[in-house]
Amino acid sequence: MAEIIQRDGTWAFDGSTIRITPGLHRSVPLFRQTYGEIAVPLEAVSGVGYEPQRKRGRLRMRLREGADPLLQATGGRLPEAADPYRLTVDADRGGVAEFVAEEIRHALLLDQVPKEPTAAYLLPGPPVPVSVRSSDGTVSFDGTQVRIDWADTSDRVKRATGPRIIGLGDLVQVEWLPNSGYEDGFLRFVTRETAFSKLPPERDPYTLDLWGSVRRDLLTALVAAAVTARLPHPSTRTGGAPADRGRPPAAVPAQADHHHDVLLRRLRELGELHRDGVLTDEEFARTKAAVLRGFQPPSCGAPS
């Protein structure tokens, strides 16, 4: 057993699994404490290394592409402190950290673990049910459907549509961008009907606009990962290799007649909101234009 215990957390390697437990100190980000313990199978690991520094070093683990639904959902955009595969190590424990890293590297060589992308998720992702209250509302996932309940501060268009319930079978993918404190983030649920409609996050009834507490909004990545873990693996959508981290896989194209029906339905919903006084003339015109732009069919090539 190779083990290192730090204020930031604990890594323990038994030869087949690296068990990562977040620390309980107040300096450990809420995201890592909420995500909890992670059991990483050796076959999911691409590499590991220790980076010594003057006061504190860092023990880092790299996972194979497509192995972890959390990394797939967040696209490598988790803040460094919230990264569960990073451990801050006191300078006087650098030797222990290097020993743990060397034991994992040695096992990778002995087991001949490949570095190529995986064809299936090797980690389960967050358990369900999972529910997170964000700045734009509360999002929940029970393993079969996503539910969004809007907050009083949500845009009135969203509140007018009421709670949004999305079945897992209707989802194409999940897009997530963190709230940095300087720029808003979002959690978008892309369905077959909305794949071609890119409304602004603050008006999209399938998107949580993340603009409030960075610490709290970061927890929406748990929902993003839990849903991603239950969607088809990216290798099935890209013809063999998982989608590049940080670049969402291409949306599944809809047939022309279905595409047209969805457009008419969205325009009809907007018209009803306009007639009911929920949308002003200016808001209706701007939102309608955004929907029409989003539903434009792809170009078939330059004219001859």
Protein backbone atom coordinates (compact mmCIF):
# COMPACT_ATOMS: atom_id res chain seq x y z
CA MET A 1 0.00 0.00 0.00
CA ALA A 2 1.34 3.41 -1.01
CA GLU A 3 -0.37 6.27 0.79
CA ILE A 4 0.03 9.99 1.39
CA ILE A 5 -2.12 11.94 3.85
CA GLN A 6 -2.26 15.71 3.60
CA ARG A 7 -4.50 18.53 4.76
CA ASP A 8 -5.71 18.76 1.16
CA GLY A 9 -6.70 15.09 1.07
CA THR A 10 -5.46 11.50 0.92
CA TRP A 11 -4.28 9.28 -1.93
CA ALA A 12 -4.02 5.54 -1.29
CA PHE A 13 -2.87 3.01 -3.91
CA ASP A 14 -3.33 -0.73 -3.34
CA GLY A 15 -1.92 -1.94 -6.67
CA SER A 16 -5.16 -1.81 -8.65
CA THR A 17 -7.07 1.27 -7.47
CA ILE A 18 -6.13 4.80 -6.43
CA ARG A 19 -8.54 5.93 -3.73
CA ILE A 20 -8.75 9.74 -3.53
CA THR A 21 -10.36 11.25 -0.44
CA PRO A 22 -10.75 15.04 -0.12
CA GLY A 23 -9.56 16.70 3.07
CA LEU A 24 -11.94 18.26 5.56
CA HIS A 25 -9.95 21.47 6.05
CA ARG A 26 -11.78 24.71 5.18
CA SER A 27 -9.22 25.36 2.43
CA VAL A 28 -10.53 22.35 0.45
CA PRO A 29 -13.05 23.61 -2.14
CA LEU A 30 -16.73 22.83 -1.62
CA PHE A 31 -16.85 21.03 -4.97
CA ARG A 32 -14.27 18.42 -3.95
CA GLN A 33 -15.82 17.93 -0.52
CA THR A 34 -19.26 17.43 -2.09
CA TYR A 35 -17.98 15.10 -4.82
CA GLY A 36 -16.45 12.96 -2.10
CA GLU A 37 -14.19 9.93 -2.39
CA ILE A 38 -13.19 8.70 -5.85
CA ALA A 39 -11.96 5.20 -6.62
CA VAL A 40 -9.87 5.39 -9.80
CA PRO A 41 -9.11 2.01 -11.43
CA LEU A 42 -5.53 1.70 -12.63
CA GLU A 43 -6.70 1.09 -16.22
CA ALA A 44 -8.22 4.61 -16.28
CA VAL A 45 -4.87 6.29 -15.56
CA SER A 46 -2.71 7.77 -18.29
CA GLY A 47 0.08 9.08 -16.07
CA VAL A 48 0.98 10.58 -12.71
CA GLY A 49 3.70 12.92 -11.51
CA TYR A 50 4.88 15.03 -8.61
CA GLU A 51 5.77 18.70 -9.17
CA PRO A 52 7.96 19.99 -6.31
CA GLN A 53 7.81 23.67 -5.37
CA ARG A 54 9.40 25.81 -2.68
CA LYS A 55 6.60 25.65 -0.09
CA ARG A 56 4.14 23.12 -1.44
CA GLY A 57 4.29 20.68 -4.33
CA ARG A 58 1.54 19.11 -6.40
CA LEU A 59 0.75 15.48 -7.05
CA ARG A 60 -1.18 15.21 -10.33
CA MET A 61 -2.91 12.36 -12.08
CA ARG A 62 -3.85 12.28 -15.76
CA LEU A 63 -6.70 10.05 -16.88
CA ARG A 64 -7.17 8.46 -20.28
CA GLU A 65 -9.41 10.38 -22.64
CA GLY A 66 -13.01 9.23 -22.27
CA ALA A 67 -12.45 7.41 -18.96
CA ASP A 68 -14.16 9.87 -16.64
CA PRO A 69 -17.62 11.46 -17.19
CA LEU A 70 -16.66 14.36 -14.91
CA LEU A 71 -13.74 15.37 -17.12
CA GLN A 72 -15.86 14.74 -20.22
CA ALA A 73 -18.67 16.98 -18.95
CA THR A 74 -16.44 19.80 -17.73
CA GLY A 75 -14.06 19.72 -20.69
CA GLY A 76 -11.02 20.38 -18.51
CA ARG A 77 -12.53 23.69 -17.34
CA LEU A 78 -12.68 22.92 -13.63
CA PRO A 79 -10.68 25.47 -11.60
CA GLU A 80 -7.34 24.01 -10.55
CA ALA A 81 -8.19 24.01 -6.84
CA ALA A 82 -11.39 22.04 -7.56
CA ASP A 83 -9.63 19.39 -9.66
CA PRO A 84 -10.05 16.10 -7.73
CA TYR A 85 -7.00 14.61 -9.49
CA ARG A 86 -4.60 17.13 -7.95
CA LEU A 87 -3.22 17.02 -4.40
CA THR A 88 -1.34 19.84 -2.67
CA VAL A 89 1.65 18.39 -0.81
CA ASP A 90 3.71 20.01 1.95
CA ALA A 91 7.36 20.41 1.00
CA ASP A 92 8.57 18.03 3.73
CA ARG A 93 6.32 15.28 2.35
CA GLY A 94 7.63 15.54 -1.18
CA GLY A 95 9.52 12.26 -0.87
CA VAL A 96 6.34 10.41 0.06
CA ALA A 97 4.48 12.00 -2.85
CA GLU A 98 7.20 10.94 -5.28
CA PHE A 99 7.10 7.39 -3.87
CA VAL A 100 3.32 7.18 -4.43
CA ALA A 101 3.71 8.49 -7.98
CA GLU A 102 6.50 6.01 -8.71
CA GLU A 103 4.44 3.08 -7.39
CA ILE A 104 1.54 4.02 -9.69
CA ARG A 105 3.88 4.46 -12.69
CA HIS A 106 5.49 1.08 -11.99
CA ALA A 107 2.07 -0.60 -11.87
CA LEU A 108 1.07 1.06 -15.15
CA LEU A 109 4.15 -0.46 -16.78
CA LEU A 110 3.65 -3.91 -15.27
CA ASP A 111 -0.03 -4.02 -16.29
CA GLN A 112 0.77 -2.49 -19.69
CA VAL A 113 -2.09 -0.03 -19.34
CA PRO A 114 -2.56 1.70 -22.72
CA LYS A 115 -2.66 5.48 -23.05
CA GLU A 116 -5.20 5.46 -25.89
CA PRO A 117 -8.71 6.85 -25.40
CA THR A 118 -11.22 4.49 -23.84
CA ALA A 119 -14.36 3.18 -25.54
CA ALA A 120 -16.42 3.35 -22.32
CA TYR A 121 -16.42 5.26 -19.06
CA LEU A 122 -14.25 3.55 -16.44
CA LEU A 123 -15.49 5.72 -13.58
CA PRO A 124 -19.18 5.91 -12.62
CA GLY A 125 -19.45 9.66 -12.07
CA PRO A 126 -21.49 11.21 -9.24
CA PRO A 127 -24.23 9.06 -7.70
CA VAL A 128 -27.89 9.89 -8.25
CA PRO A 129 -30.19 11.43 -7.26
CA VAL A 130 -28.27 14.70 -7.27
CA SER A 131 -29.70 18.19 -6.83
CA VAL A 132 -27.97 21.58 -6.89
CA ARG A 133 -29.33 25.05 -6.19
CA SER A 134 -27.66 27.61 -8.45
CA SER A 135 -28.08 31.32 -9.08
CA ASP A 136 -30.66 30.68 -11.82
CA GLY A 137 -32.62 27.87 -10.19
CA THR A 138 -32.45 24.33 -8.87
CA VAL A 139 -31.46 21.48 -11.16
CA SER A 140 -32.04 17.84 -10.20
CA PHE A 141 -31.31 14.51 -11.86
CA ASP A 142 -32.68 11.17 -10.66
CA GLY A 143 -31.02 8.95 -13.26
CA THR A 144 -33.89 9.08 -15.75
CA GLN A 145 -34.87 12.75 -16.05
CA VAL A 146 -33.58 16.26 -15.42
CA ARG A 147 -35.81 18.80 -13.68
CA ILE A 148 -35.16 22.55 -13.57
CA ASP A 149 -37.10 24.77 -11.15
CA TRP A 150 -36.48 28.44 -11.82
CA ALA A 151 -35.52 30.92 -9.11
CA ASP A 152 -37.38 34.18 -8.46
CA THR A 153 -34.39 35.97 -10.02
CA SER A 154 -34.57 33.95 -13.28
CA ASP A 155 -35.56 35.71 -16.49
CA ARG A 156 -39.33 36.09 -16.73
CA VAL A 157 -39.42 34.12 -19.99
CA LYS A 158 -38.03 31.11 -18.11
CA ARG A 159 -40.39 31.59 -15.17
CA ALA A 160 -43.32 31.86 -17.56
CA THR A 161 -42.53 28.45 -19.05
CA GLY A 162 -42.64 26.82 -15.60
CA PRO A 163 -40.48 23.91 -14.39
CA ARG A 164 -38.60 22.17 -17.18
CA ILE A 165 -38.52 18.34 -17.20
CA ILE A 166 -36.23 16.60 -19.70
CA GLY A 167 -36.15 12.84 -20.17
CA LEU A 168 -32.75 11.21 -20.52
CA GLY A 169 -33.79 9.74 -23.86
CA ASP A 170 -34.42 13.24 -25.25
CA LEU A 171 -30.94 14.49 -24.42
CA VAL A 172 -28.15 14.69 -26.98
CA GLN A 173 -25.43 16.16 -24.77
CA VAL A 174 -24.66 18.46 -21.86
CA GLU A 175 -22.63 21.66 -22.20
CA TRP A 176 -21.04 23.25 -19.14
CA LEU A 177 -19.02 26.40 -18.60
CA PRO A 178 -18.09 27.54 -15.08
CA ASN A 179 -18.95 30.89 -13.57
CA SER A 180 -15.54 32.50 -13.15
CA GLY A 181 -16.70 35.54 -11.21
CA TYR A 182 -15.68 37.73 -14.14
CA GLU A 183 -17.75 35.99 -16.81
CA ASP A 184 -21.03 34.12 -16.43
CA GLY A 185 -21.17 30.38 -16.96
CA PHE A 186 -23.97 28.05 -17.97
CA LEU A 187 -25.28 24.50 -17.81
CA ARG A 188 -27.10 23.70 -21.06
CA PHE A 189 -29.11 20.56 -21.77
CA VAL A 190 -29.12 19.99 -25.52
CA THR A 191 -32.10 17.98 -26.77
CA ARG A 192 -33.02 16.80 -30.23
CA GLU A 193 -35.46 19.70 -30.47
CA THR A 194 -33.08 22.41 -29.26
CA ALA A 195 -29.88 21.24 -30.95
CA PHE A 196 -30.16 23.97 -33.57
CA SER A 197 -31.48 26.74 -31.32
CA LYS A 198 -28.81 28.66 -29.42
CA LEU A 199 -30.70 31.19 -27.34
CA PRO A 200 -28.68 33.24 -24.84
CA PRO A 201 -28.32 31.31 -21.54
CA GLU A 202 -30.37 33.88 -19.64
CA ARG A 203 -33.38 33.21 -21.94
CA ASP A 204 -32.96 29.57 -22.89
CA PRO A 205 -35.45 27.44 -20.88
CA TYR A 206 -33.10 24.48 -21.24
CA THR A 207 -30.12 26.34 -19.78
CA LEU A 208 -29.11 27.46 -16.29
CA ASP A 209 -27.37 30.83 -16.41
CA LEU A 210 -24.58 30.78 -13.79
CA TRP A 211 -23.90 34.30 -12.53
CA GLY A 212 -24.05 34.19 -8.71
CA SER A 213 -21.88 32.43 -6.15
CA VAL A 214 -18.90 30.85 -7.92
CA ARG A 215 -18.55 28.35 -5.08
CA ARG A 216 -22.18 27.24 -5.28
CA ASP A 217 -22.55 27.39 -9.08
CA LEU A 218 -19.53 25.11 -9.48
CA LEU A 219 -21.61 22.28 -8.01
CA THR A 220 -23.69 22.19 -11.20
CA ALA A 221 -20.77 20.24 -12.67
CA LEU A 222 -21.96 17.32 -10.51
CA VAL A 223 -25.27 17.24 -12.39
CA ALA A 224 -23.49 17.67 -15.72
CA ALA A 225 -21.23 14.69 -14.93
CA ALA A 226 -24.06 12.49 -13.62
CA VAL A 227 -26.08 13.05 -16.80
CA THR A 228 -23.04 12.62 -19.07
CA ALA A 229 -22.24 9.27 -17.41
CA ARG A 230 -25.64 7.97 -18.52
CA LEU A 231 -25.55 9.26 -22.09
CA PRO A 232 -23.90 7.27 -24.91
CA HIS A 233 -20.13 7.36 -24.63
CA PRO A 234 -18.55 9.98 -26.93
CA SER A 235 -16.74 7.26 -28.86
CA THR A 236 -20.11 6.13 -30.22
CA ARG A 237 -20.80 9.60 -31.59
CA THR A 238 -17.46 10.29 -33.23
CA GLY A 239 -16.78 7.04 -35.04
CA GLY A 240 -14.28 5.55 -32.60
CA ALA A 241 -12.38 8.26 -30.68
CA PRO A 242 -13.89 10.23 -27.80
CA ALA A 243 -14.56 13.88 -28.49
CA ASP A 244 -11.69 16.22 -27.75
CA ARG A 245 -11.78 17.42 -24.16
CA GLY A 246 -13.17 20.91 -24.02
CA ARG A 247 -14.92 20.60 -27.40
CA PRO A 248 -18.47 19.26 -27.21
CA PRO A 249 -19.33 16.50 -29.69
CA ALA A 250 -21.33 17.53 -32.72
CA ALA A 251 -25.09 17.55 -32.24
CA VAL A 252 -27.10 14.82 -33.91
CA PRO A 253 -28.72 16.34 -37.04
CA ALA A 254 -32.52 16.21 -37.23
CA GLN A 255 -34.45 15.40 -40.35
CA ALA A 256 -35.78 18.37 -42.32
CA ASP A 257 -39.47 17.87 -41.51
CA HIS A 258 -38.83 17.42 -37.79
CA HIS A 259 -36.52 20.43 -37.88
CA HIS A 260 -39.34 22.52 -39.40
CA ASP A 261 -41.91 21.33 -36.84
CA VAL A 262 -39.62 22.26 -33.96
CA LEU A 263 -39.09 25.73 -35.40
CA LEU A 264 -42.83 26.33 -35.74
CA ARG A 265 -43.44 25.12 -32.19
CA ARG A 266 -40.78 27.43 -30.74
CA LEU A 267 -42.17 30.41 -32.67
CA ARG A 268 -45.69 29.58 -31.51
CA GLU A 269 -44.52 29.49 -27.87
CA LEU A 270 -42.84 32.87 -28.28
CA GLY A 271 -45.97 34.29 -29.88
CA GLU A 272 -48.07 33.16 -26.93
CA LEU A 273 -45.66 34.76 -24.47
CA HIS A 274 -45.83 37.98 -26.51
CA ARG A 275 -49.64 38.00 -26.61
CA ASP A 276 -49.80 37.33 -22.87
CA GLY A 277 -47.59 40.34 -22.20
CA VAL A 278 -44.68 38.32 -20.87
CA LEU A 279 -42.45 39.58 -23.71
CA THR A 280 -42.35 43.18 -24.86
CA ASP A 281 -42.35 43.97 -28.58
CA GLU A 282 -38.59 44.50 -28.50
CA GLU A 283 -37.92 41.33 -26.50
CA PHE A 284 -40.17 39.30 -28.80
CA ALA A 285 -38.45 40.60 -31.95
CA ARG A 286 -34.96 39.97 -30.54
CA THR A 287 -35.74 36.47 -29.25
CA LYS A 288 -37.56 35.52 -32.46
CA ALA A 289 -34.55 36.64 -34.50
CA ALA A 290 -32.25 34.54 -32.31
CA VAL A 291 -34.46 31.47 -32.82
CA LEU A 292 -34.57 31.95 -36.59
CA ARG A 293 -30.80 32.34 -36.75
CA GLY A 294 -30.34 29.20 -34.69
CA PHE A 295 -32.62 27.20 -36.99
CA GLN A 296 -31.00 28.17 -40.28
CA PRO A 297 -30.12 25.01 -42.24
CA PRO A 298 -26.41 24.37 -42.77
CA SER A 299 -24.86 25.61 -45.99
CA CYS A 300 -24.60 23.07 -48.78
CA GLY A 301 -21.53 24.64 -50.25
CA ALA A 302 -20.54 27.72 -52.17
CA PRO A 303 -22.64 28.58 -55.22
CA SER A 304 -21.11 27.69 -58.52
